[in-house]
Amino acid sequence: MTLARHTGAALLVAVVLLILTVRLSPFRDFQIAEVAAYATAIAGLTYLIGLSGQVSIGHGAFMAIGAYIAAVIGLHQHWPLELIFLASTVAAAVAGGIVGVAAARLRGPYLAGATLMLAVALPSLANRYAGLLGGDQGLSFSVTTPAFLGVTFPPTRWLAWIACIGALITLVLLANLGRSRIGRSWRALRDNEIAAALSGLNVARLQILAFVISSACAGLGGALLAAVSAIVSPGAFTLTLSIGLITGAILGGLGSLAGAVWGAVVLVFVPTYVQDVATSHGLSSAASSNVPIAAYGVVLIAVMLLFPTGIQGGLRRLLGPVAPAASTPFNALRRRGPASEHQEEGTT
């Protein structure tokens, strides 16, 4: 019943998105596609932190892996689009498994620092292997609109449909995983690692699995973002992206898939709006480009003061059981004992 319920909800959302993409302008379709790509990546990250209790500050690196794999295959192999996305997801999952093996031996700030170094170092590979990865100029990744839609069909609408389909499939799979035995094991691991090990859970295997799944989501999100932006370059996958992903996860509500969508909405719409306001008030282009970064901090502080469990947690407080719950960020970022387990209300 859980799978059927989640699938039904996804189909309802798909209908709403279909109507929106038809009625809105091409620019709004482009923004919807961006939100879907970021939501896919943030959904995996929010489960990694909110459910398994592991902190990653470098998830933008896994998005870069997915994006570059998609671009390289698209340029040289010309595979069908669905196979390209699958290959990007698998490649990022393999990379996540390698990092997860190391992550299983690290804790707290050491794990965060290791993933941070990954996010800083990985984009430099594009210059190291410029012949394959395009260097600073990057690689182009064009997605053609199917002929049966007609020559006048807006390309941005087709990209929005692709990105939304990828995001909805990811969210449905993660929602069912969170309700499964694996999801319950992750919560036990997050709350008290020692108690989880004494109860018979394989702590290292669960931690690696969490990294694999979250990295796979980031890889798919990177491939979707590459399709939307039509180019893959190291400048799109800097440390700023990784910080934006974790900021979006915290803003939306750790452990909540609905919160991942809210976080993606903030990442896409807030910088555009703030930069337009800054430009309209006469700020220089250099100054206005830094304003969105400051806006992230202001929004994050405001949300944490008003709604410590993120936007989704605030909606649940206002609407009651109608809105899905989200984990408390501070509880998810530190280890808790069994005595506080009764305080957890569950996640979506």
Protein backbone atom coordinates (compact mmCIF):
# COMPACT_ATOMS: atom_id res chain seq x y z
CA MET A 1 0.00 0.00 0.00
CA THR A 2 2.89 2.36 0.68
CA LEU A 3 4.20 2.06 -2.87
CA ALA A 4 0.73 2.56 -4.32
CA ARG A 5 0.12 5.61 -2.12
CA HIS A 6 3.43 7.22 -3.01
CA THR A 7 2.97 6.46 -6.70
CA GLY A 8 -0.52 7.95 -6.63
CA ALA A 9 0.77 11.11 -4.98
CA ALA A 10 3.55 11.35 -7.57
CA LEU A 11 1.05 11.01 -10.44
CA LEU A 12 -1.06 13.78 -8.93
CA VAL A 13 1.98 16.05 -8.67
CA ALA A 14 2.92 15.14 -12.24
CA VAL A 15 -0.48 16.31 -13.48
CA VAL A 16 -0.08 19.61 -11.63
CA LEU A 17 3.41 20.10 -13.06
CA LEU A 18 2.15 19.29 -16.55
CA ILE A 19 -0.47 22.02 -16.28
CA LEU A 20 2.07 24.50 -14.93
CA THR A 21 4.61 23.88 -17.69
CA VAL A 22 1.93 24.35 -20.34
CA ARG A 23 0.64 27.59 -18.87
CA LEU A 24 3.88 29.23 -17.74
CA SER A 25 6.55 30.97 -19.82
CA PRO A 26 9.64 29.16 -21.16
CA PHE A 27 11.79 30.84 -18.51
CA ARG A 28 9.57 29.48 -15.74
CA ASP A 29 9.74 26.04 -17.36
CA PHE A 30 13.52 26.33 -17.21
CA GLN A 31 13.34 27.20 -13.51
CA ILE A 32 11.01 24.27 -12.83
CA ALA A 33 13.54 21.98 -14.52
CA GLU A 34 16.30 23.40 -12.34
CA VAL A 35 14.22 22.87 -9.20
CA ALA A 36 13.62 19.24 -10.19
CA ALA A 37 17.35 18.63 -10.79
CA TYR A 38 18.37 20.16 -7.46
CA ALA A 39 15.53 18.40 -5.61
CA THR A 40 16.82 15.06 -6.89
CA ALA A 41 20.27 15.71 -5.44
CA ILE A 42 19.04 17.27 -2.19
CA ALA A 43 16.64 14.37 -1.60
CA GLY A 44 19.55 11.93 -1.39
CA LEU A 45 21.57 14.30 0.78
CA THR A 46 18.72 14.93 3.22
CA TYR A 47 18.34 11.19 3.71
CA LEU A 48 22.09 10.78 4.22
CA ILE A 49 22.14 13.42 6.97
CA GLY A 50 18.62 13.19 8.35
CA LEU A 51 18.28 9.41 8.43
CA SER A 52 21.77 7.90 8.66
CA GLY A 53 23.34 10.80 10.58
CA GLN A 54 26.36 11.24 8.26
CA VAL A 55 27.37 14.74 7.18
CA SER A 56 28.60 15.43 3.65
CA ILE A 57 29.65 18.93 2.58
CA GLY A 58 30.93 17.82 -0.82
CA HIS A 59 27.90 16.33 -2.56
CA GLY A 60 28.36 18.73 -5.46
CA ALA A 61 31.26 16.47 -6.51
CA PHE A 62 28.85 13.58 -7.14
CA MET A 63 26.66 15.90 -9.19
CA ALA A 64 29.75 16.74 -11.24
CA ILE A 65 30.45 13.04 -11.82
CA GLY A 66 26.92 12.46 -13.07
CA ALA A 67 26.99 15.53 -15.28
CA TYR A 68 30.35 14.75 -16.89
CA ILE A 69 29.45 11.10 -17.47
CA ALA A 70 26.26 12.23 -19.19
CA ALA A 71 28.12 14.75 -21.36
CA VAL A 72 30.92 12.35 -22.35
CA ILE A 73 28.49 9.56 -23.28
CA GLY A 74 26.22 11.99 -25.08
CA LEU A 75 29.09 13.33 -27.17
CA HIS A 76 30.89 10.10 -28.01
CA GLN A 77 28.41 7.23 -27.68
CA HIS A 78 25.02 8.79 -28.50
CA TRP A 79 23.11 6.49 -26.19
CA PRO A 80 19.38 6.93 -25.56
CA LEU A 81 18.71 9.58 -22.95
CA GLU A 82 17.36 7.14 -20.36
CA LEU A 83 20.52 5.02 -20.59
CA ILE A 84 22.69 8.11 -20.23
CA PHE A 85 20.89 9.05 -17.02
CA LEU A 86 21.20 5.48 -15.76
CA ALA A 87 24.93 5.43 -16.48
CA SER A 88 25.38 8.74 -14.66
CA THR A 89 23.48 7.40 -11.66
CA VAL A 90 25.54 4.21 -11.54
CA ALA A 91 28.86 6.05 -11.93
CA ALA A 92 28.04 8.40 -9.06
CA ALA A 93 26.87 5.45 -6.94
CA VAL A 94 30.18 3.67 -7.49
CA ALA A 95 32.07 6.83 -6.49
CA GLY A 96 29.81 7.14 -3.47
CA GLY A 97 30.58 3.56 -2.50
CA ILE A 98 34.31 4.30 -2.58
CA VAL A 99 33.85 7.41 -0.46
CA GLY A 100 31.43 5.51 1.79
CA VAL A 101 34.11 2.94 2.65
CA ALA A 102 36.27 5.77 3.95
CA ALA A 103 33.26 7.48 5.53
CA ALA A 104 32.51 4.37 7.58
CA ARG A 105 35.79 5.01 9.41
CA LEU A 106 35.28 8.74 9.93
CA ARG A 107 32.98 10.65 12.22
CA GLY A 108 31.65 14.19 12.60
CA PRO A 109 33.95 16.97 11.39
CA TYR A 110 36.46 14.48 9.98
CA LEU A 111 33.86 13.07 7.60
CA ALA A 112 32.67 16.57 6.69
CA GLY A 113 36.26 17.65 6.02
CA ALA A 114 36.94 14.63 3.79
CA THR A 115 33.90 15.30 1.62
CA LEU A 116 34.80 18.98 1.55
CA MET A 117 38.21 18.17 0.09
CA LEU A 118 36.51 16.00 -2.53
CA ALA A 119 34.33 18.92 -3.62
CA VAL A 120 37.34 21.21 -3.87
CA ALA A 121 39.64 18.79 -5.70
CA LEU A 122 37.33 17.08 -8.19
CA PRO A 123 36.59 20.05 -10.53
CA SER A 124 40.33 20.42 -11.18
CA LEU A 125 40.27 17.08 -13.03
CA ALA A 126 38.51 18.86 -15.90
CA ASN A 127 41.70 20.83 -16.54
CA ARG A 128 43.93 17.85 -15.88
CA TYR A 129 42.18 15.85 -18.61
CA ALA A 130 41.12 18.70 -20.86
CA GLY A 131 41.09 16.52 -23.96
CA LEU A 132 38.32 14.34 -22.52
CA LEU A 133 36.53 16.71 -20.15
CA GLY A 134 36.85 19.98 -22.07
CA GLY A 135 38.89 21.99 -19.57
CA ASP A 136 37.52 25.36 -18.51
CA GLN A 137 35.28 25.53 -21.57
CA GLY A 138 33.48 22.37 -20.55
CA LEU A 139 31.43 19.97 -22.65
CA SER A 140 28.14 20.56 -24.43
CA PHE A 141 25.21 18.26 -23.73
CA SER A 142 22.22 18.90 -25.94
CA VAL A 143 18.88 17.18 -25.58
CA THR A 144 16.72 17.21 -28.70
CA THR A 145 12.96 17.47 -28.51
CA PRO A 146 11.18 14.40 -29.98
CA ALA A 147 9.84 14.91 -33.48
CA PHE A 148 6.33 13.78 -32.58
CA LEU A 149 5.91 16.88 -30.38
CA GLY A 150 6.26 19.14 -33.41
CA VAL A 151 8.82 21.74 -34.43
CA THR A 152 7.07 24.50 -32.48
CA PHE A 153 7.17 22.64 -29.16
CA PRO A 154 9.20 24.67 -26.60
CA PRO A 155 12.48 22.89 -25.75
CA THR A 156 12.36 24.20 -22.18
CA ARG A 157 9.03 22.47 -21.63
CA TRP A 158 10.49 19.15 -22.76
CA LEU A 159 13.47 19.64 -20.43
CA ALA A 160 11.10 20.44 -17.58
CA TRP A 161 9.17 17.24 -18.25
CA ILE A 162 12.37 15.15 -18.29
CA ALA A 163 13.69 16.69 -15.08
CA CYS A 164 10.36 16.37 -13.28
CA ILE A 165 10.01 12.71 -14.28
CA GLY A 166 13.51 11.97 -12.98
CA ALA A 167 12.81 13.82 -9.73
CA LEU A 168 9.44 12.14 -9.13
CA ILE A 169 10.85 8.66 -9.72
CA THR A 170 13.66 9.41 -7.28
CA LEU A 171 11.31 10.75 -4.63
CA VAL A 172 8.96 7.76 -4.90
CA LEU A 173 11.85 5.30 -4.55
CA LEU A 174 13.34 7.18 -1.60
CA ALA A 175 9.96 7.50 0.10
CA ASN A 176 9.50 3.73 0.00
CA LEU A 177 13.08 3.15 1.09
CA GLY A 178 12.57 5.42 4.09
CA ARG A 179 9.57 3.33 5.15
CA SER A 180 11.43 0.05 4.68
CA ARG A 181 13.61 -1.92 7.06
CA ILE A 182 16.67 -0.10 5.71
CA GLY A 183 15.15 3.26 6.57
CA ARG A 184 14.34 2.12 10.09
CA SER A 185 17.88 0.79 10.46
CA TRP A 186 19.29 4.14 9.37
CA ARG A 187 17.22 5.91 12.04
CA ALA A 188 18.50 3.52 14.68
CA LEU A 189 22.04 4.11 13.48
CA ARG A 190 21.56 7.88 13.58
CA ASP A 191 20.07 7.89 17.07
CA ASN A 192 22.67 5.65 18.72
CA GLU A 193 25.38 3.89 16.76
CA ILE A 194 26.51 1.70 19.65
CA ALA A 195 22.99 0.53 20.42
CA ALA A 196 22.41 -0.18 16.73
CA ALA A 197 25.55 -2.34 16.58
CA LEU A 198 24.57 -4.22 19.75
CA SER A 199 21.15 -4.93 18.27
CA GLY A 200 22.79 -6.77 15.38
CA LEU A 201 22.87 -4.08 12.68
CA ASN A 202 25.90 -3.92 10.40
CA VAL A 203 26.86 -0.30 11.00
CA ALA A 204 29.55 -0.02 8.32
CA ARG A 205 27.37 -1.62 5.64
CA LEU A 206 24.46 0.69 6.43
CA GLN A 207 26.70 3.76 6.32
CA ILE A 208 28.18 2.75 2.96
CA LEU A 209 24.70 2.01 1.57
CA ALA A 210 23.52 5.47 2.64
CA PHE A 211 26.43 7.07 0.78
CA VAL A 212 25.82 4.95 -2.31
CA ILE A 213 22.14 5.89 -2.52
CA SER A 214 22.65 9.58 -1.79
CA SER A 215 25.51 9.75 -4.32
CA ALA A 216 23.36 8.03 -6.94
CA CYS A 217 20.68 10.69 -6.42
CA ALA A 218 23.30 13.42 -6.75
CA GLY A 219 24.62 11.83 -9.94
CA LEU A 220 21.17 11.75 -11.48
CA GLY A 221 20.60 15.33 -10.35
CA GLY A 222 23.86 16.36 -12.00
CA ALA A 223 22.89 14.64 -15.26
CA LEU A 224 19.50 16.36 -15.21
CA LEU A 225 21.16 19.71 -14.52
CA ALA A 226 23.54 19.11 -17.43
CA ALA A 227 20.59 18.44 -19.73
CA VAL A 228 18.85 21.60 -18.56
CA SER A 229 21.89 23.90 -18.84
CA ALA A 230 23.18 22.20 -22.05
CA ILE A 231 26.79 22.55 -20.87
CA VAL A 232 29.00 20.93 -18.26
CA SER A 233 31.94 22.95 -16.96
CA PRO A 234 33.97 22.98 -13.72
CA GLY A 235 32.60 26.42 -12.88
CA ALA A 236 29.14 24.92 -12.36
CA PHE A 237 30.32 22.44 -9.72
CA THR A 238 32.37 24.52 -7.33
CA LEU A 239 32.29 24.41 -3.55
CA THR A 240 29.44 26.92 -3.68
CA LEU A 241 27.19 24.24 -5.16
CA SER A 242 28.00 21.78 -2.37
CA ILE A 243 27.30 24.42 0.27
CA GLY A 244 24.07 25.29 -1.53
CA LEU A 245 22.96 21.64 -1.46
CA ILE A 246 23.50 21.22 2.26
CA THR A 247 21.91 24.61 2.88
CA GLY A 248 18.87 23.53 0.87
CA ALA A 249 18.63 20.28 2.82
CA ILE A 250 18.72 22.11 6.16
CA LEU A 251 16.32 24.83 5.01
CA GLY A 252 13.75 22.34 3.79
CA GLY A 253 14.02 20.02 6.76
CA LEU A 254 16.49 17.18 7.17
CA GLY A 255 15.03 13.75 6.52
CA SER A 256 12.01 15.13 4.65
CA LEU A 257 11.59 14.61 0.92
CA ALA A 258 9.07 17.44 0.76
CA GLY A 259 11.70 19.54 2.49
CA ALA A 260 14.16 18.66 -0.29
CA VAL A 261 11.75 20.23 -2.78
CA TRP A 262 11.43 23.36 -0.63
CA GLY A 263 15.22 23.58 -0.41
CA ALA A 264 15.53 23.30 -4.19
CA VAL A 265 12.95 26.05 -4.65
CA VAL A 266 15.00 28.32 -2.40
CA LEU A 267 18.22 27.52 -4.29
CA VAL A 268 16.68 28.38 -7.65
CA PHE A 269 14.34 31.29 -6.97
CA VAL A 270 16.01 33.25 -4.15
CA PRO A 271 19.31 34.04 -5.98
CA THR A 272 17.45 35.13 -9.13
CA TYR A 273 15.09 37.38 -7.21
CA VAL A 274 17.78 38.87 -4.96
CA GLN A 275 20.17 39.50 -7.84
CA ASP A 276 17.42 41.26 -9.83
CA VAL A 277 16.68 43.47 -6.83
CA ALA A 278 20.37 44.24 -6.35
CA THR A 279 20.82 45.14 -10.01
CA SER A 280 17.73 47.33 -10.03
CA HIS A 281 19.17 49.29 -7.06
CA GLY A 282 22.32 50.16 -8.98
CA LEU A 283 24.80 47.66 -7.57
CA SER A 284 27.65 46.65 -9.85
CA SER A 285 27.66 43.24 -11.48
CA ALA A 286 30.51 42.07 -9.22
CA ALA A 287 28.69 43.16 -6.09
CA SER A 288 25.30 41.86 -7.19
CA SER A 289 26.78 38.43 -7.93
CA ASN A 290 27.79 38.10 -4.27
CA VAL A 291 24.41 39.17 -2.92
CA PRO A 292 22.73 35.73 -3.44
CA ILE A 293 25.41 34.08 -1.27
CA ALA A 294 24.63 36.51 1.54
CA ALA A 295 20.92 35.91 0.96
CA TYR A 296 21.42 32.18 1.62
CA GLY A 297 22.85 33.03 5.03
CA VAL A 298 20.03 35.42 5.88
CA VAL A 299 17.34 32.95 4.81
CA LEU A 300 19.05 30.11 6.69
CA ILE A 301 19.27 32.13 9.91
CA ALA A 302 15.65 33.26 9.60
CA VAL A 303 14.34 29.74 8.99
CA MET A 304 16.40 28.25 11.83
CA LEU A 305 15.12 30.89 14.25
CA LEU A 306 11.48 30.57 13.21
CA PHE A 307 11.35 26.86 12.32
CA PRO A 308 14.25 24.82 13.78
CA THR A 309 13.08 21.76 11.83
CA GLY A 310 13.15 23.63 8.52
CA ILE A 311 10.41 24.83 6.21
CA GLN A 312 8.62 21.48 6.18
CA GLY A 313 8.76 21.34 9.97
CA GLY A 314 7.26 24.83 10.12
CA LEU A 315 4.45 23.80 7.79
CA ARG A 316 3.74 20.78 9.96
CA ARG A 317 3.56 23.02 13.00
CA LEU A 318 1.08 25.28 11.22
CA LEU A 319 -0.97 22.61 9.43
CA GLY A 320 -0.65 19.72 11.85
CA PRO A 321 -0.57 16.10 10.63
CA VAL A 322 -1.52 17.18 7.08
CA ALA A 323 2.11 18.07 6.36
CA PRO A 324 4.78 15.33 6.54
CA ALA A 325 7.24 15.58 9.39
CA ALA A 326 10.90 16.54 9.18
CA SER A 327 13.77 15.66 11.47
CA THR A 328 15.28 18.32 13.70
CA PRO A 329 18.55 19.45 12.06
CA PHE A 330 20.45 19.65 15.32
CA ASN A 331 19.39 16.13 16.28
CA ALA A 332 20.37 14.80 12.87
CA LEU A 333 23.83 16.37 12.99
CA ARG A 334 24.82 14.81 16.31
CA ARG A 335 24.49 11.41 17.89
CA ARG A 336 21.62 10.97 20.28
CA GLY A 337 21.01 8.45 22.99
CA PRO A 338 18.08 6.05 23.30
CA ALA A 339 16.41 8.31 25.85
CA SER A 340 15.58 10.87 23.18
CA GLU A 341 14.30 8.35 20.64
CA HIS A 342 10.69 8.93 21.69
CA GLN A 343 11.00 12.55 20.57
CA GLU A 344 11.41 11.58 16.92
CA GLU A 345 8.17 11.87 15.00
CA GLY A 346 9.37 10.10 11.85
CA THR A 347 10.17 11.31 8.38
CA THR A 348 8.60 11.29 4.96
